[in-house]
């Protein structure tokens, strides 16, 4: 099977200069592998020196031939779509904020991540794990902070009197 030709509008030296200026290290590695292959190095050795497999180098050669240096950039997908709609997401955020402010007045215990997960399930019917609820909170620009543990028999008055106060003077 004949070797796949690499386009030659840029020389190996020019590819190395582009690799030197490239901010993305993955693209720079691909440029160096192409430059090594253009210099006459075997594809297997050029790929190994760049930290990739020979087949991966072949795939990058195909993309480089078709699109130039721009084709060497990663193309990440959008990821898995949310299980709930944008409207439901806005309603959940409103409920989380309402529940968080209600728990801050002292009558209710603070909102925990398991409570958030349960709230999402009650509102939308979609069950989120604890880590999924964390990710959802982060996507809503909400932070999750744990409350400090407190012993059930703690005496707040004794804690206030024991607390050190700053001394003036």
C-alpha atoms as a PDB file:
ATOM      1  CA  UNK A   1       0.000   0.000   0.000  1.00  0.00           C
ATOM      2  CA  UNK A   2       1.533   3.344  -1.005  1.00  0.00           C
ATOM      3  CA  UNK A   3       2.313   5.904   1.675  1.00  0.00           C
ATOM      4  CA  UNK A   4      -0.136   8.749   2.126  1.00  0.00           C
ATOM      5  CA  UNK A   5       1.393  11.945   0.754  1.00  0.00           C
ATOM      6  CA  UNK A   6       1.592  14.998   2.995  1.00  0.00           C
ATOM      7  CA  UNK A   7       0.829  18.354   1.420  1.00  0.00           C
ATOM      8  CA  UNK A   8       3.946  20.436   0.911  1.00  0.00           C
ATOM      9  CA  UNK A   9       2.710  24.030   0.883  1.00  0.00           C
ATOM     10  CA  UNK A  10       4.582  24.418   4.203  1.00  0.00           C
ATOM     11  CA  UNK A  11       8.052  22.953   4.611  1.00  0.00           C
ATOM     12  CA  UNK A  12       9.161  20.924   7.617  1.00  0.00           C
ATOM     13  CA  UNK A  13      11.037  23.971   8.951  1.00  0.00           C
ATOM     14  CA  UNK A  14       7.911  26.130   8.671  1.00  0.00           C
ATOM     15  CA  UNK A  15       5.852  23.466  10.443  1.00  0.00           C
ATOM     16  CA  UNK A  16       8.390  23.445  13.275  1.00  0.00           C
ATOM     17  CA  UNK A  17       8.141  27.250  13.529  1.00  0.00           C
ATOM     18  CA  UNK A  18       4.363  26.986  13.743  1.00  0.00           C
ATOM     19  CA  UNK A  19       4.761  24.301  16.418  1.00  0.00           C
ATOM     20  CA  UNK A  20       7.051  26.590  18.401  1.00  0.00           C
ATOM     21  CA  UNK A  21       4.469  29.403  18.332  1.00  0.00           C
ATOM     22  CA  UNK A  22       1.473  27.139  18.976  1.00  0.00           C
ATOM     23  CA  UNK A  23      -0.123  27.580  22.408  1.00  0.00           C
ATOM     24  CA  UNK A  24      -1.911  24.229  22.370  1.00  0.00           C
ATOM     25  CA  UNK A  25       0.684  21.510  23.122  1.00  0.00           C
ATOM     26  CA  UNK A  26      -1.399  18.803  21.435  1.00  0.00           C
ATOM     27  CA  UNK A  27      -1.451  20.715  18.146  1.00  0.00           C
ATOM     28  CA  UNK A  28       2.265  21.467  18.503  1.00  0.00           C
ATOM     29  CA  UNK A  29       2.994  17.736  18.884  1.00  0.00           C
ATOM     30  CA  UNK A  30       0.997  16.968  15.756  1.00  0.00           C
ATOM     31  CA  UNK A  31       2.862  19.657  13.819  1.00  0.00           C
ATOM     32  CA  UNK A  32       6.201  18.216  14.939  1.00  0.00           C
ATOM     33  CA  UNK A  33       5.139  14.714  13.892  1.00  0.00           C
ATOM     34  CA  UNK A  34       4.191  16.015  10.441  1.00  0.00           C
ATOM     35  CA  UNK A  35       7.484  17.914  10.177  1.00  0.00           C
ATOM     36  CA  UNK A  36       9.446  14.789  11.099  1.00  0.00           C
ATOM     37  CA  UNK A  37       7.551  12.768   8.494  1.00  0.00           C
ATOM     38  CA  UNK A  38       8.177  15.463   5.862  1.00  0.00           C
ATOM     39  CA  UNK A  39      11.901  15.358   6.673  1.00  0.00           C
ATOM     40  CA  UNK A  40      11.962  11.709   5.647  1.00  0.00           C
ATOM     41  CA  UNK A  41      11.667  10.033   9.019  1.00  0.00           C
ATOM     42  CA  UNK A  42       9.621   6.846   8.978  1.00  0.00           C
ATOM     43  CA  UNK A  43       5.971   7.376   9.903  1.00  0.00           C
ATOM     44  CA  UNK A  44       6.263   4.910  12.746  1.00  0.00           C
ATOM     45  CA  UNK A  45       9.242   6.715  14.305  1.00  0.00           C
ATOM     46  CA  UNK A  46       7.719  10.177  13.722  1.00  0.00           C
ATOM     47  CA  UNK A  47       4.520   9.058  15.429  1.00  0.00           C
ATOM     48  CA  UNK A  48       6.343   7.437  18.342  1.00  0.00           C
ATOM     49  CA  UNK A  49       8.458  10.562  18.939  1.00  0.00           C
ATOM     50  CA  UNK A  50       5.276  12.637  19.026  1.00  0.00           C
ATOM     51  CA  UNK A  51       3.658  10.250  21.504  1.00  0.00           C
ATOM     52  CA  UNK A  52       1.064   8.777  19.183  1.00  0.00           C
ATOM     53  CA  UNK A  53       0.364   5.663  17.174  1.00  0.00           C
ATOM     54  CA  UNK A  54       1.158   5.375  13.457  1.00  0.00           C
ATOM     55  CA  UNK A  55      -2.552   5.146  12.673  1.00  0.00           C
ATOM     56  CA  UNK A  56      -3.224   8.339  14.638  1.00  0.00           C
ATOM     57  CA  UNK A  57      -0.521  10.112  12.621  1.00  0.00           C
ATOM     58  CA  UNK A  58      -2.184   8.894   9.437  1.00  0.00           C
ATOM     59  CA  UNK A  59      -5.508  10.366  10.602  1.00  0.00           C
ATOM     60  CA  UNK A  60      -3.813  13.706  11.357  1.00  0.00           C
ATOM     61  CA  UNK A  61      -2.149  13.677   7.927  1.00  0.00           C
ATOM     62  CA  UNK A  62      -5.563  13.254   6.299  1.00  0.00           C
ATOM     63  CA  UNK A  63      -6.996  16.172   8.300  1.00  0.00           C
ATOM     64  CA  UNK A  64      -3.908  18.318   7.636  1.00  0.00           C
ATOM     65  CA  UNK A  65      -4.143  17.618   3.903  1.00  0.00           C
ATOM     66  CA  UNK A  66      -7.807  18.598   3.872  1.00  0.00           C
ATOM     67  CA  UNK A  67      -7.807  21.621   6.196  1.00  0.00           C
ATOM     68  CA  UNK A  68      -4.221  22.705   6.834  1.00  0.00           C
ATOM     69  CA  UNK A  69      -3.022  23.602  10.314  1.00  0.00           C
ATOM     70  CA  UNK A  70      -6.579  24.439  11.412  1.00  0.00           C
ATOM     71  CA  UNK A  71      -7.467  20.763  10.918  1.00  0.00           C
ATOM     72  CA  UNK A  72      -5.015  19.730  13.641  1.00  0.00           C
ATOM     73  CA  UNK A  73      -7.072  21.313  16.410  1.00  0.00           C
ATOM     74  CA  UNK A  74      -9.245  19.164  18.666  1.00  0.00           C
ATOM     75  CA  UNK A  75     -12.953  19.059  17.947  1.00  0.00           C
ATOM     76  CA  UNK A  76     -14.706  18.434  21.213  1.00  0.00           C
ATOM     77  CA  UNK A  77     -18.370  17.667  21.123  1.00  0.00           C
ATOM     78  CA  UNK A  78     -21.064  19.414  23.121  1.00  0.00           C
ATOM     79  CA  UNK A  79     -21.345  16.493  25.490  1.00  0.00           C
ATOM     80  CA  UNK A  80     -24.397  14.685  26.648  1.00  0.00           C
ATOM     81  CA  UNK A  81     -27.563  16.804  26.560  1.00  0.00           C
ATOM     82  CA  UNK A  82     -29.317  17.674  29.807  1.00  0.00           C
ATOM     83  CA  UNK A  83     -32.117  15.383  30.897  1.00  0.00           C
ATOM     84  CA  UNK A  84     -34.299  18.385  31.767  1.00  0.00           C
ATOM     85  CA  UNK A  85     -35.386  21.359  29.656  1.00  0.00           C
ATOM     86  CA  UNK A  86     -34.165  24.938  30.051  1.00  0.00           C
ATOM     87  CA  UNK A  87     -37.511  25.991  31.528  1.00  0.00           C
ATOM     88  CA  UNK A  88     -37.366  23.233  34.136  1.00  0.00           C
ATOM     89  CA  UNK A  89     -33.768  24.202  34.866  1.00  0.00           C
ATOM     90  CA  UNK A  90     -34.779  27.823  35.536  1.00  0.00           C
ATOM     91  CA  UNK A  91     -37.620  26.673  37.799  1.00  0.00           C
ATOM     92  CA  UNK A  92     -35.269  24.368  39.706  1.00  0.00           C
ATOM     93  CA  UNK A  93     -32.756  27.206  40.176  1.00  0.00           C
ATOM     94  CA  UNK A  94     -35.515  29.446  41.535  1.00  0.00           C
ATOM     95  CA  UNK A  95     -36.625  26.742  43.960  1.00  0.00           C
ATOM     96  CA  UNK A  96     -33.053  26.090  45.108  1.00  0.00           C
ATOM     97  CA  UNK A  97     -32.500  29.791  45.766  1.00  0.00           C
ATOM     98  CA  UNK A  98     -35.836  30.088  47.580  1.00  0.00           C
ATOM     99  CA  UNK A  99     -35.077  27.037  49.720  1.00  0.00           C
ATOM    100  CA  UNK A 100     -31.567  28.288  50.466  1.00  0.00           C
ATOM    101  CA  UNK A 101     -32.794  31.695  51.652  1.00  0.00           C
ATOM    102  CA  UNK A 102     -35.532  30.075  53.740  1.00  0.00           C
ATOM    103  CA  UNK A 103     -32.977  27.808  55.411  1.00  0.00           C
ATOM    104  CA  UNK A 104     -30.745  30.780  56.208  1.00  0.00           C
ATOM    105  CA  UNK A 105     -33.223  32.336  58.633  1.00  0.00           C
ATOM    106  CA  UNK A 106     -32.542  29.704  61.300  1.00  0.00           C
ATOM    107  CA  UNK A 107     -35.923  27.958  61.274  1.00  0.00           C
ATOM    108  CA  UNK A 108     -34.832  25.245  58.847  1.00  0.00           C
ATOM    109  CA  UNK A 109     -31.621  23.271  58.558  1.00  0.00           C
ATOM    110  CA  UNK A 110     -29.344  24.303  55.669  1.00  0.00           C
ATOM    111  CA  UNK A 111     -29.991  22.887  52.212  1.00  0.00           C
ATOM    112  CA  UNK A 112     -27.814  19.846  51.539  1.00  0.00           C
ATOM    113  CA  UNK A 113     -26.867  18.397  48.155  1.00  0.00           C
ATOM    114  CA  UNK A 114     -29.122  15.378  48.774  1.00  0.00           C
ATOM    115  CA  UNK A 115     -31.957  17.860  49.341  1.00  0.00           C
ATOM    116  CA  UNK A 116     -31.108  19.531  46.020  1.00  0.00           C
ATOM    117  CA  UNK A 117     -31.114  16.153  44.296  1.00  0.00           C
ATOM    118  CA  UNK A 118     -34.491  15.301  45.826  1.00  0.00           C
ATOM    119  CA  UNK A 119     -35.861  18.734  44.905  1.00  0.00           C
ATOM    120  CA  UNK A 120     -34.821  18.231  41.273  1.00  0.00           C
ATOM    121  CA  UNK A 121     -36.482  14.818  41.209  1.00  0.00           C
ATOM    122  CA  UNK A 122     -39.718  16.138  42.734  1.00  0.00           C
ATOM    123  CA  UNK A 123     -39.870  19.077  40.339  1.00  0.00           C
ATOM    124  CA  UNK A 124     -38.856  17.360  37.076  1.00  0.00           C
ATOM    125  CA  UNK A 125     -39.202  13.624  37.643  1.00  0.00           C
ATOM    126  CA  UNK A 126     -35.547  13.174  36.639  1.00  0.00           C
ATOM    127  CA  UNK A 127     -33.296  11.520  39.186  1.00  0.00           C
ATOM    128  CA  UNK A 128     -29.802  12.965  39.587  1.00  0.00           C
ATOM    129  CA  UNK A 129     -27.021  11.360  41.571  1.00  0.00           C
ATOM    130  CA  UNK A 130     -25.117  13.403  44.132  1.00  0.00           C
ATOM    131  CA  UNK A 131     -22.286  14.089  41.690  1.00  0.00           C
ATOM    132  CA  UNK A 132     -24.811  14.905  38.954  1.00  0.00           C
ATOM    133  CA  UNK A 133     -26.534  17.382  41.264  1.00  0.00           C
ATOM    134  CA  UNK A 134     -23.122  18.958  41.973  1.00  0.00           C
ATOM    135  CA  UNK A 135     -22.480  19.367  38.242  1.00  0.00           C
ATOM    136  CA  UNK A 136     -25.953  20.793  37.710  1.00  0.00           C
ATOM    137  CA  UNK A 137     -25.436  23.291  40.543  1.00  0.00           C
ATOM    138  CA  UNK A 138     -22.139  24.328  38.981  1.00  0.00           C
ATOM    139  CA  UNK A 139     -23.780  24.800  35.573  1.00  0.00           C
ATOM    140  CA  UNK A 140     -26.352  27.067  37.263  1.00  0.00           C
ATOM    141  CA  UNK A 141     -23.521  29.130  38.801  1.00  0.00           C
ATOM    142  CA  UNK A 142     -24.543  28.054  42.290  1.00  0.00           C
ATOM    143  CA  UNK A 143     -22.017  27.009  44.870  1.00  0.00           C
ATOM    144  CA  UNK A 144     -22.430  24.176  47.288  1.00  0.00           C
ATOM    145  CA  UNK A 145     -20.908  24.534  50.700  1.00  0.00           C
ATOM    146  CA  UNK A 146     -21.203  22.131  53.559  1.00  0.00           C
ATOM    147  CA  UNK A 147     -22.183  23.431  56.955  1.00  0.00           C
ATOM    148  CA  UNK A 148     -19.812  22.874  59.811  1.00  0.00           C
ATOM    149  CA  UNK A 149     -20.770  19.865  61.894  1.00  0.00           C
ATOM    150  CA  UNK A 150     -22.131  20.660  65.329  1.00  0.00           C
ATOM    151  CA  UNK A 151     -22.608  18.353  68.254  1.00  0.00           C
ATOM    152  CA  UNK A 152     -26.297  17.927  69.171  1.00  0.00           C
ATOM    153  CA  UNK A 153     -25.605  18.749  72.837  1.00  0.00           C
ATOM    154  CA  UNK A 154     -23.527  21.842  72.118  1.00  0.00           C
ATOM    155  CA  UNK A 155     -24.344  24.869  74.264  1.00  0.00           C
ATOM    156  CA  UNK A 156     -24.294  28.088  72.180  1.00  0.00           C
ATOM    157  CA  UNK A 157     -24.073  30.285  75.317  1.00  0.00           C
ATOM    158  CA  UNK A 158     -21.014  28.410  76.588  1.00  0.00           C
ATOM    159  CA  UNK A 159     -19.411  28.682  73.152  1.00  0.00           C
ATOM    160  CA  UNK A 160     -19.927  32.469  73.073  1.00  0.00           C
ATOM    161  CA  UNK A 161     -18.374  32.924  76.511  1.00  0.00           C
ATOM    162  CA  UNK A 162     -15.438  30.674  75.680  1.00  0.00           C
ATOM    163  CA  UNK A 163     -14.775  32.401  72.366  1.00  0.00           C
ATOM    164  CA  UNK A 164     -11.700  34.628  72.355  1.00  0.00           C
ATOM    165  CA  UNK A 165     -12.376  38.259  71.725  1.00  0.00           C
ATOM    166  CA  UNK A 166      -9.957  40.752  70.248  1.00  0.00           C
ATOM    167  CA  UNK A 167      -8.385  42.930  72.849  1.00  0.00           C
ATOM    168  CA  UNK A 168      -8.094  46.588  72.180  1.00  0.00           C
ATOM    169  CA  UNK A 169      -5.241  48.416  73.657  1.00  0.00           C
END
